[in-house]
PDB file of N, CA and C in Angstrom:
ATOM      1  N   UNK A   1     -18.873  47.020   4.936  1.00  0.00           N
ATOM      2  CA  UNK A   1     -19.049  45.879   5.937  1.00  0.00           C
ATOM      3  C   UNK A   1     -19.781  45.481   6.729  1.00  0.00           C
ATOM      4  N   UNK A   2     -20.505  45.656   6.652  1.00  0.00           N
ATOM      5  CA  UNK A   2     -21.150  44.753   8.153  1.00  0.00           C
ATOM      6  C   UNK A   2     -21.416  44.061   8.661  1.00  0.00           C
ATOM      7  N   UNK A   3     -21.094  43.098   9.888  1.00  0.00           N
ATOM      8  CA  UNK A   3     -21.420  42.083  10.293  1.00  0.00           C
ATOM      9  C   UNK A   3     -21.851  40.621  10.249  1.00  0.00           C
ATOM     10  N   UNK A   4     -22.757  40.906   9.258  1.00  0.00           N
ATOM     11  CA  UNK A   4     -23.165  40.048   8.871  1.00  0.00           C
ATOM     12  C   UNK A   4     -22.767  39.168   7.862  1.00  0.00           C
ATOM     13  N   UNK A   5     -21.880  39.889   6.998  1.00  0.00           N
ATOM     14  CA  UNK A   5     -21.243  39.879   5.654  1.00  0.00           C
ATOM     15  C   UNK A   5     -20.125  39.767   6.705  1.00  0.00           C
ATOM     16  N   UNK A   6     -19.766  39.547   7.194  1.00  0.00           N
ATOM     17  CA  UNK A   6     -18.200  39.616   8.276  1.00  0.00           C
ATOM     18  C   UNK A   6     -19.176  37.820   8.354  1.00  0.00           C
ATOM     19  N   UNK A   7     -19.101  37.444   9.278  1.00  0.00           N
ATOM     20  CA  UNK A   7     -19.251  36.478   9.752  1.00  0.00           C
ATOM     21  C   UNK A   7     -19.681  35.310   9.200  1.00  0.00           C
ATOM     22  N   UNK A   8     -20.238  35.969   6.885  1.00  0.00           N
ATOM     23  CA  UNK A   8     -20.897  34.786   6.663  1.00  0.00           C
ATOM     24  C   UNK A   8     -19.613  34.046   5.753  1.00  0.00           C
ATOM     25  N   UNK A   9     -18.420  35.175   5.231  1.00  0.00           N
ATOM     26  CA  UNK A   9     -17.261  35.377   5.060  1.00  0.00           C
ATOM     27  C   UNK A   9     -16.622  34.333   6.390  1.00  0.00           C
ATOM     28  N   UNK A  10     -16.287  34.539   7.030  1.00  0.00           N
ATOM     29  CA  UNK A  10     -15.086  34.178   8.312  1.00  0.00           C
ATOM     30  C   UNK A  10     -16.097  32.193   8.075  1.00  0.00           C
ATOM     31  N   UNK A  11     -17.727  32.398   8.291  1.00  0.00           N
ATOM     32  CA  UNK A  11     -17.767  30.275   8.566  1.00  0.00           C
ATOM     33  C   UNK A  11     -17.788  30.619   6.751  1.00  0.00           C
ATOM     34  N   UNK A  12     -18.088  30.525   6.234  1.00  0.00           N
ATOM     35  CA  UNK A  12     -17.288  30.270   4.600  1.00  0.00           C
ATOM     36  C   UNK A  12     -16.231  29.440   4.047  1.00  0.00           C
ATOM     37  N   UNK A  13     -15.456  30.158   5.063  1.00  0.00           N
ATOM     38  CA  UNK A  13     -14.357  30.264   4.710  1.00  0.00           C
ATOM     39  C   UNK A  13     -13.398  29.118   5.729  1.00  0.00           C
ATOM     40  N   UNK A  14     -14.162  28.923   6.681  1.00  0.00           N
ATOM     41  CA  UNK A  14     -14.228  27.636   7.900  1.00  0.00           C
ATOM     42  C   UNK A  14     -14.172  26.564   7.409  1.00  0.00           C
ATOM     43  N   UNK A  15     -15.258  26.191   6.190  1.00  0.00           N
ATOM     44  CA  UNK A  15     -15.834  25.072   6.376  1.00  0.00           C
ATOM     45  C   UNK A  15     -14.726  24.247   4.204  1.00  0.00           C
ATOM     46  N   UNK A  16     -14.292  25.665   3.192  1.00  0.00           N
ATOM     47  CA  UNK A  16     -13.830  25.403   2.554  1.00  0.00           C
ATOM     48  C   UNK A  16     -12.176  25.494   3.199  1.00  0.00           C
ATOM     49  N   UNK A  17     -11.889  25.382   4.463  1.00  0.00           N
ATOM     50  CA  UNK A  17     -11.256  24.800   4.992  1.00  0.00           C
ATOM     51  C   UNK A  17     -11.142  23.557   5.605  1.00  0.00           C
ATOM     52  N   UNK A  18     -12.107  23.350   6.691  1.00  0.00           N
ATOM     53  CA  UNK A  18     -12.676  21.726   6.919  1.00  0.00           C
ATOM     54  C   UNK A  18     -12.645  21.325   5.491  1.00  0.00           C
ATOM     55  N   UNK A  19     -13.104  21.081   4.660  1.00  0.00           N
ATOM     56  CA  UNK A  19     -13.551  19.821   3.171  1.00  0.00           C
ATOM     57  C   UNK A  19     -12.194  20.113   2.695  1.00  0.00           C
ATOM     58  N   UNK A  20     -11.151  20.891   2.711  1.00  0.00           N
ATOM     59  CA  UNK A  20      -9.484  20.965   1.909  1.00  0.00           C
ATOM     60  C   UNK A  20      -9.127  19.693   2.606  1.00  0.00           C
ATOM     61  N   UNK A  21      -9.138  20.637   4.096  1.00  0.00           N
ATOM     62  CA  UNK A  21      -7.973  19.206   5.472  1.00  0.00           C
ATOM     63  C   UNK A  21      -8.580  17.716   4.832  1.00  0.00           C
ATOM     64  N   UNK A  22      -9.485  17.739   4.989  1.00  0.00           N
ATOM     65  CA  UNK A  22     -10.691  16.537   4.698  1.00  0.00           C
ATOM     66  C   UNK A  22      -9.938  15.477   3.619  1.00  0.00           C
ATOM     67  N   UNK A  23     -10.036  16.984   2.985  1.00  0.00           N
ATOM     68  CA  UNK A  23      -9.486  16.078   1.069  1.00  0.00           C
ATOM     69  C   UNK A  23      -7.994  15.336   1.420  1.00  0.00           C
ATOM     70  N   UNK A  24      -7.629  16.651   1.491  1.00  0.00           N
ATOM     71  CA  UNK A  24      -5.650  16.628   2.292  1.00  0.00           C
ATOM     72  C   UNK A  24      -6.293  15.015   2.682  1.00  0.00           C
ATOM     73  N   UNK A  25      -5.347  15.491   3.753  1.00  0.00           N
ATOM     74  CA  UNK A  25      -5.682  13.705   4.822  1.00  0.00           C
ATOM     75  C   UNK A  25      -6.234  12.770   4.367  1.00  0.00           C
ATOM     76  N   UNK A  26      -7.431  12.333   3.742  1.00  0.00           N
ATOM     77  CA  UNK A  26      -7.832  11.107   2.990  1.00  0.00           C
ATOM     78  C   UNK A  26      -6.706  10.835   1.600  1.00  0.00           C
ATOM     79  N   UNK A  27      -6.312  11.551   0.856  1.00  0.00           N
ATOM     80  CA  UNK A  27      -5.273  11.832  -0.063  1.00  0.00           C
ATOM     81  C   UNK A  27      -3.590  11.655   0.926  1.00  0.00           C
ATOM     82  N   UNK A  28      -3.697  12.219   1.113  1.00  0.00           N
ATOM     83  CA  UNK A  28      -1.944  12.142   1.257  1.00  0.00           C
ATOM     84  C   UNK A  28      -1.698  11.574   2.787  1.00  0.00           C
ATOM     85  N   UNK A  29      -1.790  11.677   3.710  1.00  0.00           N
ATOM     86  CA  UNK A  29      -1.389  10.772   5.101  1.00  0.00           C
ATOM     87  C   UNK A  29      -2.130   9.383   5.720  1.00  0.00           C
ATOM     88  N   UNK A  30      -0.833   8.987   5.162  1.00  0.00           N
ATOM     89  CA  UNK A  30      -1.555   7.565   5.976  1.00  0.00           C
ATOM     90  C   UNK A  30      -0.974   7.098   6.496  1.00  0.00           C
ATOM     91  N   UNK A  31      -1.458   6.957   7.621  1.00  0.00           N
ATOM     92  CA  UNK A  31      -1.426   6.492   9.959  1.00  0.00           C
ATOM     93  C   UNK A  31      -1.480   4.796   9.343  1.00  0.00           C
ATOM     94  N   UNK A  32      -1.123   4.198  10.165  1.00  0.00           N
ATOM     95  CA  UNK A  32      -0.900   2.994  10.905  1.00  0.00           C
ATOM     96  C   UNK A  32      -1.026   2.140   9.950  1.00  0.00           C
ATOM     97  N   UNK A  33      -1.242   1.318  10.177  1.00  0.00           N
ATOM     98  CA  UNK A  33      -0.550  -0.841   9.136  1.00  0.00           C
ATOM     99  C   UNK A  33      -1.981  -0.765   7.520  1.00  0.00           C
ATOM    100  N   UNK A  34      -0.624  -1.222   7.042  1.00  0.00           N
ATOM    101  CA  UNK A  34      -1.357  -1.856   5.893  1.00  0.00           C
ATOM    102  C   UNK A  34      -2.972  -2.694   5.687  1.00  0.00           C
ATOM    103  N   UNK A  35      -3.345  -3.732   5.079  1.00  0.00           N
ATOM    104  CA  UNK A  35      -4.313  -4.296   5.430  1.00  0.00           C
ATOM    105  C   UNK A  35      -3.489  -6.002   6.210  1.00  0.00           C
ATOM    106  N   UNK A  36      -2.557  -6.492   5.441  1.00  0.00           N
ATOM    107  CA  UNK A  36      -1.855  -7.748   6.633  1.00  0.00           C
ATOM    108  C   UNK A  36      -1.076  -7.524   7.788  1.00  0.00           C
ATOM    109  N   UNK A  37      -0.824  -6.073   8.533  1.00  0.00           N
ATOM    110  CA  UNK A  37      -0.336  -6.171   9.471  1.00  0.00           C
ATOM    111  C   UNK A  37      -0.900  -6.144  10.683  1.00  0.00           C
ATOM    112  N   UNK A  38       0.121  -6.369  11.602  1.00  0.00           N
ATOM    113  CA  UNK A  38      -0.258  -7.157  12.965  1.00  0.00           C
ATOM    114  C   UNK A  38      -0.051  -5.592  13.926  1.00  0.00           C
ATOM    115  N   UNK A  39       0.248  -4.384  12.747  1.00  0.00           N
ATOM    116  CA  UNK A  39       0.481  -3.608  14.056  1.00  0.00           C
ATOM    117  C   UNK A  39       1.551  -3.181  15.545  1.00  0.00           C
ATOM    118  N   UNK A  40       2.343  -4.301  15.877  1.00  0.00           N
ATOM    119  CA  UNK A  40       3.498  -4.316  16.544  1.00  0.00           C
ATOM    120  C   UNK A  40       2.862  -5.474  17.323  1.00  0.00           C
ATOM    121  N   UNK A  41       1.505  -5.784  17.414  1.00  0.00           N
ATOM    122  CA  UNK A  41       0.478  -6.772  18.984  1.00  0.00           C
ATOM    123  C   UNK A  41       1.638  -8.679  17.701  1.00  0.00           C
ATOM    124  N   UNK A  42       1.836  -9.401  19.347  1.00  0.00           N
ATOM    125  CA  UNK A  42       1.953 -10.988  18.530  1.00  0.00           C
ATOM    126  C   UNK A  42       0.863 -11.517  18.435  1.00  0.00           C
ATOM    127  N   UNK A  43       0.291 -12.260  17.669  1.00  0.00           N
ATOM    128  CA  UNK A  43      -0.885 -12.896  18.060  1.00  0.00           C
ATOM    129  C   UNK A  43      -0.656 -14.263  17.808  1.00  0.00           C
ATOM    130  N   UNK A  44       1.235 -14.996  18.128  1.00  0.00           N
ATOM    131  CA  UNK A  44       1.536 -16.696  17.479  1.00  0.00           C
ATOM    132  C   UNK A  44       1.161 -16.702  18.284  1.00  0.00           C
ATOM    133  N   UNK A  45       1.492 -16.196  19.906  1.00  0.00           N
ATOM    134  CA  UNK A  45       0.183 -17.731  21.054  1.00  0.00           C
ATOM    135  C   UNK A  45      -1.131 -17.845  21.060  1.00  0.00           C
ATOM    136  N   UNK A  46      -1.041 -17.356  19.772  1.00  0.00           N
ATOM    137  CA  UNK A  46      -3.276 -17.088  20.384  1.00  0.00           C
ATOM    138  C   UNK A  46      -3.310 -19.154  19.211  1.00  0.00           C
ATOM    139  N   UNK A  47      -4.592 -19.292  19.574  1.00  0.00           N
ATOM    140  CA  UNK A  47      -4.893 -21.041  18.733  1.00  0.00           C
ATOM    141  C   UNK A  47      -6.332 -20.344  18.965  1.00  0.00           C
ATOM    142  N   UNK A  48      -6.529 -20.666  17.137  1.00  0.00           N
ATOM    143  CA  UNK A  48      -8.052 -21.085  17.293  1.00  0.00           C
ATOM    144  C   UNK A  48      -8.932 -21.226  18.044  1.00  0.00           C
ATOM    145  N   UNK A  49     -10.201 -21.961  18.551  1.00  0.00           N
ATOM    146  CA  UNK A  49     -10.730 -22.420  18.813  1.00  0.00           C
ATOM    147  C   UNK A  49     -10.750 -22.648  17.974  1.00  0.00           C
ATOM    148  N   UNK A  50     -12.050 -24.592  18.671  1.00  0.00           N
ATOM    149  CA  UNK A  50     -12.361 -25.604  17.474  1.00  0.00           C
ATOM    150  C   UNK A  50     -14.248 -25.128  17.862  1.00  0.00           C
ATOM    151  N   UNK A  51     -14.880 -25.139  16.499  1.00  0.00           N
ATOM    152  CA  UNK A  51     -16.644 -24.175  16.531  1.00  0.00           C
ATOM    153  C   UNK A  51     -17.338 -25.613  17.782  1.00  0.00           C
ATOM    154  N   UNK A  52     -18.317 -25.271  17.826  1.00  0.00           N
ATOM    155  CA  UNK A  52     -18.938 -26.766  18.461  1.00  0.00           C
ATOM    156  C   UNK A  52     -20.514 -26.925  17.453  1.00  0.00           C
ATOM    157  N   UNK A  53     -20.177 -28.224  16.829  1.00  0.00           N
ATOM    158  CA  UNK A  53     -21.148 -28.248  16.468  1.00  0.00           C
ATOM    159  C   UNK A  53     -22.764 -28.973  17.054  1.00  0.00           C
TER     160      UNK A  53
END
C-alpha cells in the first residue's frame, strides 16, 4: 500500500469520526439549561424600562 492510499484512508476515517461525534453530541449530550431556565442568574432585582414614545 502506498503512502497516498494510506493518507486517504486516514483522512476518510477522521471525517467519519468527526461526523459521528457531531451526530452523537446533537442527539445524546444535553448541556446547559432548557428554554425557560435562568441558568443560575437571578433577574429578580431587574425592572424593565418604560419605552419612550
